[in-house]
Protein backbone atom coordinates (compact mmCIF):
# COMPACT_ATOMS: atom_id res chain seq x y z
CA UNK A 1 0.00 0.00 0.00
CA UNK A 2 1.21 3.52 -0.66
CA UNK A 3 2.08 5.56 2.40
CA UNK A 4 -0.43 8.21 3.40
CA UNK A 5 2.30 10.52 4.71
CA UNK A 6 5.88 11.42 3.92
CA UNK A 7 6.81 10.83 7.57
CA UNK A 8 5.07 9.04 10.41
CA UNK A 9 6.10 9.33 14.05
CA UNK A 10 4.59 6.98 16.62
CA UNK A 11 5.49 7.85 20.19
CA UNK A 12 4.54 6.23 23.47
CA UNK A 13 5.64 6.19 27.08
CA UNK A 14 6.95 2.84 28.31
CA UNK A 15 7.06 2.00 32.00
CA UNK A 16 10.56 0.72 32.75
CA UNK A 17 12.24 -0.28 36.01
CA UNK A 18 14.15 3.04 36.03
CA UNK A 19 11.00 5.06 35.28
CA UNK A 20 8.93 6.02 32.26
CA UNK A 21 10.71 6.46 28.94
CA UNK A 22 9.47 8.08 25.76
CA UNK A 23 9.97 5.81 22.75
CA UNK A 24 9.44 7.09 19.21
CA UNK A 25 9.42 5.17 15.94
CA UNK A 26 10.01 7.16 12.77
CA UNK A 27 8.98 5.66 9.42
CA UNK A 28 8.94 7.02 5.90
CA UNK A 29 8.61 5.62 2.39
CA UNK A 30 11.80 4.97 0.46
CA UNK A 31 12.80 7.76 -1.88
CA UNK A 32 10.79 10.48 -0.12
CA UNK A 33 13.22 11.44 2.65
CA UNK A 34 16.79 10.48 3.35
CA UNK A 35 17.81 8.86 6.60
CA UNK A 36 19.99 11.90 7.30
CA UNK A 37 17.01 14.24 6.87
CA UNK A 38 14.86 12.17 9.23
CA UNK A 39 17.71 11.93 11.74
CA UNK A 40 17.99 15.74 11.67
CA UNK A 41 14.25 16.11 12.26
CA UNK A 42 14.39 13.59 15.11
CA UNK A 43 17.29 15.42 16.75
CA UNK A 44 15.45 18.75 16.48
CA UNK A 45 12.30 17.14 17.90
CA UNK A 46 14.24 15.67 20.81
CA UNK A 47 15.95 19.00 21.49
CA UNK A 48 12.53 20.73 21.57
CA UNK A 49 11.14 18.10 23.96
CA UNK A 50 14.12 18.56 26.28
CA UNK A 51 13.61 22.33 26.30
CA UNK A 52 9.92 21.88 27.09
CA UNK A 53 10.69 19.44 29.89
CA UNK A 54 13.23 21.82 31.41
CA UNK A 55 10.98 24.89 31.17
CA UNK A 56 9.15 26.10 34.21
CA UNK A 57 5.48 25.23 33.84
CA UNK A 58 3.27 28.14 32.82
CA UNK A 59 0.47 27.09 35.12
CA UNK A 60 0.06 24.82 38.05
CA UNK A 61 -2.06 21.96 39.14
CA UNK A 62 -5.82 22.15 39.42
CA UNK A 63 -8.20 20.10 41.56
CA UNK A 64 -8.85 17.80 38.58
CA UNK A 65 -5.12 16.90 38.56
CA UNK A 66 -5.46 15.52 42.09
CA UNK A 67 -8.51 13.24 42.13
CA UNK A 68 -7.46 11.39 45.31
CA UNK A 69 -7.48 14.47 47.55
CA UNK A 70 -10.06 17.17 48.17
CA UNK A 71 -8.17 20.44 47.77
CA UNK A 72 -9.46 23.76 46.54
CA UNK A 73 -7.54 25.73 43.93
CA UNK A 74 -6.49 28.20 46.65
CA UNK A 75 -5.08 25.36 48.76
CA UNK A 76 -3.19 23.96 45.78
CA UNK A 77 -1.80 27.42 44.98
CA UNK A 78 -0.55 27.78 48.59
CA UNK A 79 1.13 24.38 48.49
CA UNK A 80 2.78 25.13 45.15
CA UNK A 81 3.99 28.53 46.36
CA UNK A 82 5.54 26.89 49.41
CA UNK A 83 7.09 24.15 47.28
CA UNK A 84 8.61 26.64 44.83
CA UNK A 85 9.97 29.03 47.45
CA UNK A 86 13.71 28.75 48.02
CA UNK A 87 14.74 27.17 51.27
PDB file of N, CA and C in Angstrom:
ATOM      1  N   UNK A   1       0.836  -1.195   0.000  1.00  0.00           N
ATOM      2  CA  UNK A   1       0.000   0.000   0.000  1.00  0.00           C
ATOM      3  C   UNK A   1       0.872   1.247   0.000  1.00  0.00           C
ATOM      4  N   UNK A   2       0.451   2.266  -0.713  1.00  0.00           N
ATOM      5  CA  UNK A   2       1.211   3.516  -0.665  1.00  0.00           C
ATOM      6  C   UNK A   2       1.060   4.174   0.707  1.00  0.00           C
ATOM      7  N   UNK A   3       2.096   4.867   1.111  1.00  0.00           N
ATOM      8  CA  UNK A   3       2.078   5.560   2.397  1.00  0.00           C
ATOM      9  C   UNK A   3       1.185   6.791   2.304  1.00  0.00           C
ATOM     10  N   UNK A   4       0.451   7.047   3.369  1.00  0.00           N
ATOM     11  CA  UNK A   4      -0.435   8.214   3.398  1.00  0.00           C
ATOM     12  C   UNK A   4       0.327   9.497   3.725  1.00  0.00           C
ATOM     13  N   UNK A   5       1.529   9.355   4.272  1.00  0.00           N
ATOM     14  CA  UNK A   5       2.298  10.524   4.711  1.00  0.00           C
ATOM     15  C   UNK A   5       3.766  10.349   4.348  1.00  0.00           C
ATOM     16  N   UNK A   6       4.451  11.468   4.216  1.00  0.00           N
ATOM     17  CA  UNK A   6       5.884  11.423   3.920  1.00  0.00           C
ATOM     18  C   UNK A   6       6.681  10.990   5.143  1.00  0.00           C
ATOM     19  N   UNK A   7       6.128  11.211   6.328  1.00  0.00           N
ATOM     20  CA  UNK A   7       6.807  10.835   7.569  1.00  0.00           C
ATOM     21  C   UNK A   7       5.762  10.514   8.617  1.00  0.00           C
ATOM     22  N   UNK A   8       5.960   9.417   9.316  1.00  0.00           N
ATOM     23  CA  UNK A   8       5.066   9.035  10.409  1.00  0.00           C
ATOM     24  C   UNK A   8       5.905   8.867  11.662  1.00  0.00           C
ATOM     25  N   UNK A   9       5.437   9.471  12.760  1.00  0.00           N
ATOM     26  CA  UNK A   9       6.100   9.327  14.053  1.00  0.00           C
ATOM     27  C   UNK A   9       5.084   8.746  15.025  1.00  0.00           C
ATOM     28  N   UNK A  10       5.407   7.587  15.577  1.00  0.00           N
ATOM     29  CA  UNK A  10       4.588   6.975  16.620  1.00  0.00           C
ATOM     30  C   UNK A  10       5.386   7.047  17.912  1.00  0.00           C
ATOM     31  N   UNK A  11       4.804   7.680  18.915  1.00  0.00           N
ATOM     32  CA  UNK A  11       5.492   7.845  20.190  1.00  0.00           C
ATOM     33  C   UNK A  11       4.613   7.329  21.314  1.00  0.00           C
ATOM     34  N   UNK A  12       5.259   6.721  22.303  1.00  0.00           N
ATOM     35  CA  UNK A  12       4.540   6.226  23.474  1.00  0.00           C
ATOM     36  C   UNK A  12       5.466   6.249  24.668  1.00  0.00           C
ATOM     37  N   UNK A  13       4.869   6.253  25.839  1.00  0.00           N
ATOM     38  CA  UNK A  13       5.640   6.191  27.083  1.00  0.00           C
ATOM     39  C   UNK A  13       5.630   4.753  27.571  1.00  0.00           C
ATOM     40  N   UNK A  14       6.814   4.205  27.779  1.00  0.00           N
ATOM     41  CA  UNK A  14       6.948   2.842  28.307  1.00  0.00           C
ATOM     42  C   UNK A  14       7.337   2.917  29.773  1.00  0.00           C
ATOM     43  N   UNK A  15       6.671   2.119  30.598  1.00  0.00           N
ATOM     44  CA  UNK A  15       7.063   2.004  31.998  1.00  0.00           C
ATOM     45  C   UNK A  15       8.236   1.047  32.079  1.00  0.00           C
ATOM     46  N   UNK A  16       9.357   1.526  32.603  1.00  0.00           N
ATOM     47  CA  UNK A  16      10.558   0.717  32.746  1.00  0.00           C
ATOM     48  C   UNK A  16      10.977   0.720  34.203  1.00  0.00           C
ATOM     49  N   UNK A  17      11.814  -0.219  34.602  1.00  0.00           N
ATOM     50  CA  UNK A  17      12.236  -0.278  36.011  1.00  0.00           C
ATOM     51  C   UNK A  17      12.852   1.036  36.506  1.00  0.00           C
ATOM     52  N   UNK A  18      13.534   1.773  35.620  1.00  0.00           N
ATOM     53  CA  UNK A  18      14.147   3.042  36.028  1.00  0.00           C
ATOM     54  C   UNK A  18      13.224   4.238  35.799  1.00  0.00           C
ATOM     55  N   UNK A  19      11.971   3.988  35.479  1.00  0.00           N
ATOM     56  CA  UNK A  19      10.997   5.056  35.283  1.00  0.00           C
ATOM     57  C   UNK A  19      10.475   5.082  33.864  1.00  0.00           C
ATOM     58  N   UNK A  20       9.511   5.960  33.599  1.00  0.00           N
ATOM     59  CA  UNK A  20       8.929   6.020  32.260  1.00  0.00           C
ATOM     60  C   UNK A  20       9.944   6.532  31.242  1.00  0.00           C
ATOM     61  N   UNK A  21       9.814   6.043  30.031  1.00  0.00           N
ATOM     62  CA  UNK A  21      10.705   6.459  28.943  1.00  0.00           C
ATOM     63  C   UNK A  21       9.887   6.674  27.685  1.00  0.00           C
ATOM     64  N   UNK A  22      10.138   7.793  27.018  1.00  0.00           N
ATOM     65  CA  UNK A  22       9.470   8.080  25.758  1.00  0.00           C
ATOM     66  C   UNK A  22      10.190   7.323  24.652  1.00  0.00           C
ATOM     67  N   UNK A  23       9.420   6.570  23.867  1.00  0.00           N
ATOM     68  CA  UNK A  23       9.965   5.806  22.746  1.00  0.00           C
ATOM     69  C   UNK A  23       9.253   6.274  21.487  1.00  0.00           C
ATOM     70  N   UNK A  24      10.024   6.622  20.469  1.00  0.00           N
ATOM     71  CA  UNK A  24       9.442   7.094  19.207  1.00  0.00           C
ATOM     72  C   UNK A  24       9.963   6.245  18.059  1.00  0.00           C
ATOM     73  N   UNK A  25       9.066   5.892  17.159  1.00  0.00           N
ATOM     74  CA  UNK A  25       9.422   5.167  15.943  1.00  0.00           C
ATOM     75  C   UNK A  25       9.120   6.065  14.758  1.00  0.00           C
ATOM     76  N   UNK A  26      10.120   6.289  13.939  1.00  0.00           N
ATOM     77  CA  UNK A  26      10.015   7.158  12.770  1.00  0.00           C
ATOM     78  C   UNK A  26      10.033   6.282  11.529  1.00  0.00           C
ATOM     79  N   UNK A  27       9.023   6.428  10.670  1.00  0.00           N
ATOM     80  CA  UNK A  27       8.981   5.663   9.420  1.00  0.00           C
ATOM     81  C   UNK A  27       8.647   6.589   8.262  1.00  0.00           C
ATOM     82  N   UNK A  28       9.176   6.239   7.094  1.00  0.00           N
ATOM     83  CA  UNK A  28       8.944   7.020   5.897  1.00  0.00           C
ATOM     84  C   UNK A  28       9.141   6.119   4.687  1.00  0.00           C
ATOM     85  N   UNK A  29       8.449   6.424   3.600  1.00  0.00           N
ATOM     86  CA  UNK A  29       8.607   5.617   2.387  1.00  0.00           C
ATOM     87  C   UNK A  29       9.967   5.875   1.735  1.00  0.00           C
ATOM     88  N   UNK A  30      10.512   4.848   1.155  1.00  0.00           N
ATOM     89  CA  UNK A  30      11.799   4.973   0.457  1.00  0.00           C
ATOM     90  C   UNK A  30      11.701   6.009  -0.656  1.00  0.00           C
ATOM     91  N   UNK A  31      12.743   6.799  -0.798  1.00  0.00           N
ATOM     92  CA  UNK A  31      12.796   7.762  -1.875  1.00  0.00           C
ATOM     93  C   UNK A  31      12.164   9.101  -1.560  1.00  0.00           C
ATOM     94  N   UNK A  32      11.444   9.214  -0.463  1.00  0.00           N
ATOM     95  CA  UNK A  32      10.792  10.481  -0.121  1.00  0.00           C
ATOM     96  C   UNK A  32      11.720  11.342   0.729  1.00  0.00           C
ATOM     97  N   UNK A  33      12.288  10.749   1.751  1.00  0.00           N
ATOM     98  CA  UNK A  33      13.216  11.439   2.647  1.00  0.00           C
ATOM     99  C   UNK A  33      14.464  10.581   2.801  1.00  0.00           C
ATOM    100  N   UNK A  34      15.570  11.238   3.068  1.00  0.00           N
ATOM    101  CA  UNK A  34      16.788  10.479   3.352  1.00  0.00           C
ATOM    102  C   UNK A  34      16.856  10.180   4.843  1.00  0.00           C
ATOM    103  N   UNK A  35      17.629   9.173   5.179  1.00  0.00           N
ATOM    104  CA  UNK A  35      17.809   8.858   6.599  1.00  0.00           C
ATOM    105  C   UNK A  35      18.431  10.042   7.329  1.00  0.00           C
ATOM    106  N   UNK A  36      19.361  10.731   6.679  1.00  0.00           N
ATOM    107  CA  UNK A  36      19.991  11.901   7.298  1.00  0.00           C
ATOM    108  C   UNK A  36      18.972  13.001   7.585  1.00  0.00           C
ATOM    109  N   UNK A  37      18.034  13.221   6.666  1.00  0.00           N
ATOM    110  CA  UNK A  37      17.007  14.240   6.874  1.00  0.00           C
ATOM    111  C   UNK A  37      16.108  13.875   8.048  1.00  0.00           C
ATOM    112  N   UNK A  38      15.714  12.615   8.133  1.00  0.00           N
ATOM    113  CA  UNK A  38      14.855  12.172   9.234  1.00  0.00           C
ATOM    114  C   UNK A  38      15.624  12.234  10.543  1.00  0.00           C
ATOM    115  N   UNK A  39      16.886  11.857  10.523  1.00  0.00           N
ATOM    116  CA  UNK A  39      17.706  11.933  11.740  1.00  0.00           C
ATOM    117  C   UNK A  39      17.792  13.381  12.233  1.00  0.00           C
ATOM    118  N   UNK A  40      17.968  14.323  11.300  1.00  0.00           N
ATOM    119  CA  UNK A  40      17.993  15.735  11.673  1.00  0.00           C
ATOM    120  C   UNK A  40      16.684  16.196  12.288  1.00  0.00           C
ATOM    121  N   UNK A  41      15.561  15.783  11.694  1.00  0.00           N
ATOM    122  CA  UNK A  41      14.246  16.113  12.259  1.00  0.00           C
ATOM    123  C   UNK A  41      14.084  15.511  13.655  1.00  0.00           C
ATOM    124  N   UNK A  42      14.510  14.265  13.808  1.00  0.00           N
ATOM    125  CA  UNK A  42      14.386  13.591  15.106  1.00  0.00           C
ATOM    126  C   UNK A  42      15.235  14.284  16.169  1.00  0.00           C
ATOM    127  N   UNK A  43      16.429  14.708  15.794  1.00  0.00           N
ATOM    128  CA  UNK A  43      17.289  15.416  16.746  1.00  0.00           C
ATOM    129  C   UNK A  43      16.689  16.760  17.138  1.00  0.00           C
ATOM    130  N   UNK A  44      16.119  17.481  16.171  1.00  0.00           N
ATOM    131  CA  UNK A  44      15.453  18.751  16.480  1.00  0.00           C
ATOM    132  C   UNK A  44      14.239  18.528  17.376  1.00  0.00           C
ATOM    133  N   UNK A  45      13.486  17.482  17.099  1.00  0.00           N
ATOM    134  CA  UNK A  45      12.298  17.145  17.901  1.00  0.00           C
ATOM    135  C   UNK A  45      12.712  16.824  19.334  1.00  0.00           C
ATOM    136  N   UNK A  46      13.757  16.028  19.486  1.00  0.00           N
ATOM    137  CA  UNK A  46      14.242  15.666  20.814  1.00  0.00           C
ATOM    138  C   UNK A  46      14.749  16.895  21.563  1.00  0.00           C
ATOM    139  N   UNK A  47      15.455  17.769  20.866  1.00  0.00           N
ATOM    140  CA  UNK A  47      15.950  19.003  21.492  1.00  0.00           C
ATOM    141  C   UNK A  47      14.771  19.857  21.981  1.00  0.00           C
ATOM    142  N   UNK A  48      13.718  19.963  21.173  1.00  0.00           N
ATOM    143  CA  UNK A  48      12.529  20.732  21.570  1.00  0.00           C
ATOM    144  C   UNK A  48      11.846  20.099  22.778  1.00  0.00           C
ATOM    145  N   UNK A  49      11.750  18.778  22.802  1.00  0.00           N
ATOM    146  CA  UNK A  49      11.143  18.102  23.959  1.00  0.00           C
ATOM    147  C   UNK A  49      11.943  18.345  25.228  1.00  0.00           C
ATOM    148  N   UNK A  50      13.270  18.309  25.104  1.00  0.00           N
ATOM    149  CA  UNK A  50      14.119  18.563  26.284  1.00  0.00           C
ATOM    150  C   UNK A  50      13.942  19.984  26.792  1.00  0.00           C
ATOM    151  N   UNK A  51      13.833  20.946  25.879  1.00  0.00           N
ATOM    152  CA  UNK A  51      13.606  22.331  26.296  1.00  0.00           C
ATOM    153  C   UNK A  51      12.256  22.482  26.993  1.00  0.00           C
ATOM    154  N   UNK A  52      11.239  21.830  26.449  1.00  0.00           N
ATOM    155  CA  UNK A  52       9.915  21.882  27.088  1.00  0.00           C
ATOM    156  C   UNK A  52       9.941  21.249  28.472  1.00  0.00           C
ATOM    157  N   UNK A  53      10.626  20.129  28.600  1.00  0.00           N
ATOM    158  CA  UNK A  53      10.688  19.437  29.889  1.00  0.00           C
ATOM    159  C   UNK A  53      11.445  20.260  30.927  1.00  0.00           C
ATOM    160  N   UNK A  54      12.426  21.027  30.490  1.00  0.00           N
ATOM    161  CA  UNK A  54      13.229  21.823  31.410  1.00  0.00           C
ATOM    162  C   UNK A  54      12.576  23.157  31.762  1.00  0.00           C
ATOM    163  N   UNK A  55      11.616  23.588  30.958  1.00  0.00           N
ATOM    164  CA  UNK A  55      10.983  24.885  31.168  1.00  0.00           C
ATOM    165  C   UNK A  55      10.108  24.852  32.411  1.00  0.00           C
ATOM    166  N   UNK A  56      10.042  25.977  33.053  1.00  0.00           N
ATOM    167  CA  UNK A  56       9.151  26.104  34.206  1.00  0.00           C
ATOM    168  C   UNK A  56       7.713  26.085  33.707  1.00  0.00           C
ATOM    169  N   UNK A  57       6.860  25.305  34.325  1.00  0.00           N
ATOM    170  CA  UNK A  57       5.479  25.230  33.844  1.00  0.00           C
ATOM    171  C   UNK A  57       4.785  26.595  33.903  1.00  0.00           C
ATOM    172  N   UNK A  58       3.971  26.864  32.894  1.00  0.00           N
ATOM    173  CA  UNK A  58       3.268  28.142  32.815  1.00  0.00           C
ATOM    174  C   UNK A  58       2.170  28.221  33.870  1.00  0.00           C
ATOM    175  N   UNK A  59       1.551  27.112  34.148  1.00  0.00           N
ATOM    176  CA  UNK A  59       0.471  27.090  35.121  1.00  0.00           C
ATOM    177  C   UNK A  59       0.826  26.163  36.260  1.00  0.00           C
ATOM    178  N   UNK A  60      -0.142  25.756  36.957  1.00  0.00           N
ATOM    179  CA  UNK A  60       0.065  24.821  38.048  1.00  0.00           C
ATOM    180  C   UNK A  60      -0.996  23.753  37.998  1.00  0.00           C
ATOM    181  N   UNK A  61      -1.062  23.018  39.058  1.00  0.00           N
ATOM    182  CA  UNK A  61      -2.062  21.958  39.142  1.00  0.00           C
ATOM    183  C   UNK A  61      -3.434  22.550  39.445  1.00  0.00           C
ATOM    184  N   UNK A  62      -4.442  21.789  39.109  1.00  0.00           N
ATOM    185  CA  UNK A  62      -5.816  22.151  39.416  1.00  0.00           C
ATOM    186  C   UNK A  62      -6.430  20.990  40.195  1.00  0.00           C
ATOM    187  N   UNK A  63      -7.571  21.196  40.824  1.00  0.00           N
ATOM    188  CA  UNK A  63      -8.199  20.097  41.561  1.00  0.00           C
ATOM    189  C   UNK A  63      -8.407  18.830  40.714  1.00  0.00           C
ATOM    190  N   UNK A  64      -8.641  18.986  39.422  1.00  0.00           N
ATOM    191  CA  UNK A  64      -8.848  17.797  38.585  1.00  0.00           C
ATOM    192  C   UNK A  64      -7.559  17.004  38.381  1.00  0.00           C
ATOM    193  N   UNK A  65      -6.390  17.618  38.638  1.00  0.00           N
ATOM    194  CA  UNK A  65      -5.121  16.901  38.556  1.00  0.00           C
ATOM    195  C   UNK A  65      -4.878  16.017  39.777  1.00  0.00           C
ATOM    196  N   UNK A  66      -5.662  16.224  40.834  1.00  0.00           N
ATOM    197  CA  UNK A  66      -5.462  15.519  42.094  1.00  0.00           C
ATOM    198  C   UNK A  66      -6.755  14.850  42.552  1.00  0.00           C
ATOM    199  N   UNK A  67      -7.211  13.827  41.835  1.00  0.00           N
ATOM    200  CA  UNK A  67      -8.515  13.242  42.135  1.00  0.00           C
ATOM    201  C   UNK A  67      -8.585  12.497  43.472  1.00  0.00           C
ATOM    202  N   UNK A  68      -7.446  12.170  44.065  1.00  0.00           N
ATOM    203  CA  UNK A  68      -7.460  11.394  45.305  1.00  0.00           C
ATOM    204  C   UNK A  68      -7.496  12.251  46.563  1.00  0.00           C
ATOM    205  N   UNK A  69      -7.414  13.574  46.394  1.00  0.00           N
ATOM    206  CA  UNK A  69      -7.483  14.471  47.551  1.00  0.00           C
ATOM    207  C   UNK A  69      -8.494  15.568  47.271  1.00  0.00           C
ATOM    208  N   UNK A  70      -9.079  16.088  48.324  1.00  0.00           N
ATOM    209  CA  UNK A  70     -10.062  17.174  48.174  1.00  0.00           C
ATOM    210  C   UNK A  70      -9.388  18.485  48.549  1.00  0.00           C
ATOM    211  N   UNK A  71      -8.807  19.142  47.558  1.00  0.00           N
ATOM    212  CA  UNK A  71      -8.170  20.437  47.773  1.00  0.00           C
ATOM    213  C   UNK A  71      -8.805  21.465  46.848  1.00  0.00           C
ATOM    214  N   UNK A  72      -8.969  22.675  47.370  1.00  0.00           N
ATOM    215  CA  UNK A  72      -9.460  23.762  46.538  1.00  0.00           C
ATOM    216  C   UNK A  72      -8.297  24.313  45.712  1.00  0.00           C
ATOM    217  N   UNK A  73      -8.602  25.121  44.724  1.00  0.00           N
ATOM    218  CA  UNK A  73      -7.536  25.734  43.928  1.00  0.00           C
ATOM    219  C   UNK A  73      -6.664  26.622  44.803  1.00  0.00           C
ATOM    220  N   UNK A  74      -7.272  27.341  45.752  1.00  0.00           N
ATOM    221  CA  UNK A  74      -6.493  28.196  46.653  1.00  0.00           C
ATOM    222  C   UNK A  74      -5.517  27.366  47.491  1.00  0.00           C
ATOM    223  N   UNK A  75      -5.960  26.213  47.975  1.00  0.00           N
ATOM    224  CA  UNK A  75      -5.076  25.356  48.759  1.00  0.00           C
ATOM    225  C   UNK A  75      -3.920  24.813  47.913  1.00  0.00           C
ATOM    226  N   UNK A  76      -4.232  24.444  46.694  1.00  0.00           N
ATOM    227  CA  UNK A  76      -3.190  23.957  45.783  1.00  0.00           C
ATOM    228  C   UNK A  76      -2.191  25.073  45.505  1.00  0.00           C
ATOM    229  N   UNK A  77      -2.683  26.277  45.251  1.00  0.00           N
ATOM    230  CA  UNK A  77      -1.796  27.415  44.983  1.00  0.00           C
ATOM    231  C   UNK A  77      -0.871  27.677  46.168  1.00  0.00           C
ATOM    232  N   UNK A  78      -1.385  27.588  47.394  1.00  0.00           N
ATOM    233  CA  UNK A  78      -0.554  27.784  48.585  1.00  0.00           C
ATOM    234  C   UNK A  78       0.528  26.705  48.693  1.00  0.00           C
ATOM    235  N   UNK A  79       0.151  25.466  48.446  1.00  0.00           N
ATOM    236  CA  UNK A  79       1.127  24.384  48.489  1.00  0.00           C
ATOM    237  C   UNK A  79       2.211  24.551  47.426  1.00  0.00           C
ATOM    238  N   UNK A  80       1.797  24.932  46.232  1.00  0.00           N
ATOM    239  CA  UNK A  80       2.778  25.128  45.154  1.00  0.00           C
ATOM    240  C   UNK A  80       3.691  26.301  45.447  1.00  0.00           C
ATOM    241  N   UNK A  81       3.162  27.374  46.015  1.00  0.00           N
ATOM    242  CA  UNK A  81       3.994  28.532  46.357  1.00  0.00           C
ATOM    243  C   UNK A  81       5.024  28.134  47.409  1.00  0.00           C
ATOM    244  N   UNK A  82       4.615  27.346  48.379  1.00  0.00           N
ATOM    245  CA  UNK A  82       5.538  26.885  49.413  1.00  0.00           C
ATOM    246  C   UNK A  82       6.596  25.969  48.818  1.00  0.00           C
ATOM    247  N   UNK A  83       6.186  25.100  47.911  1.00  0.00           N
ATOM    248  CA  UNK A  83       7.094  24.150  47.285  1.00  0.00           C
ATOM    249  C   UNK A  83       8.130  24.865  46.417  1.00  0.00           C
ATOM    250  N   UNK A  84       7.710  25.920  45.740  1.00  0.00           N
ATOM    251  CA  UNK A  84       8.606  26.637  44.829  1.00  0.00           C
ATOM    252  C   UNK A  84       9.507  27.636  45.535  1.00  0.00           C
ATOM    253  N   UNK A  85       9.158  28.014  46.765  1.00  0.00           N
ATOM    254  CA  UNK A  85       9.970  29.030  47.447  1.00  0.00           C
ATOM    255  C   UNK A  85      11.322  28.453  47.837  1.00  0.00           C
ATOM    256  N   UNK A  86      12.375  29.252  47.663  1.00  0.00           N
ATOM    257  CA  UNK A  86      13.712  28.752  48.016  1.00  0.00           C
ATOM    258  C   UNK A  86      13.821  28.511  49.511  1.00  0.00           C
ATOM    259  N   UNK A  87      14.564  27.535  49.857  1.00  0.00           N
ATOM    260  CA  UNK A  87      14.743  27.173  51.274  1.00  0.00           C
ATOM    261  C   UNK A  87      16.080  27.673  51.761  1.00  0.00           C
TER     262      UNK A  87
END
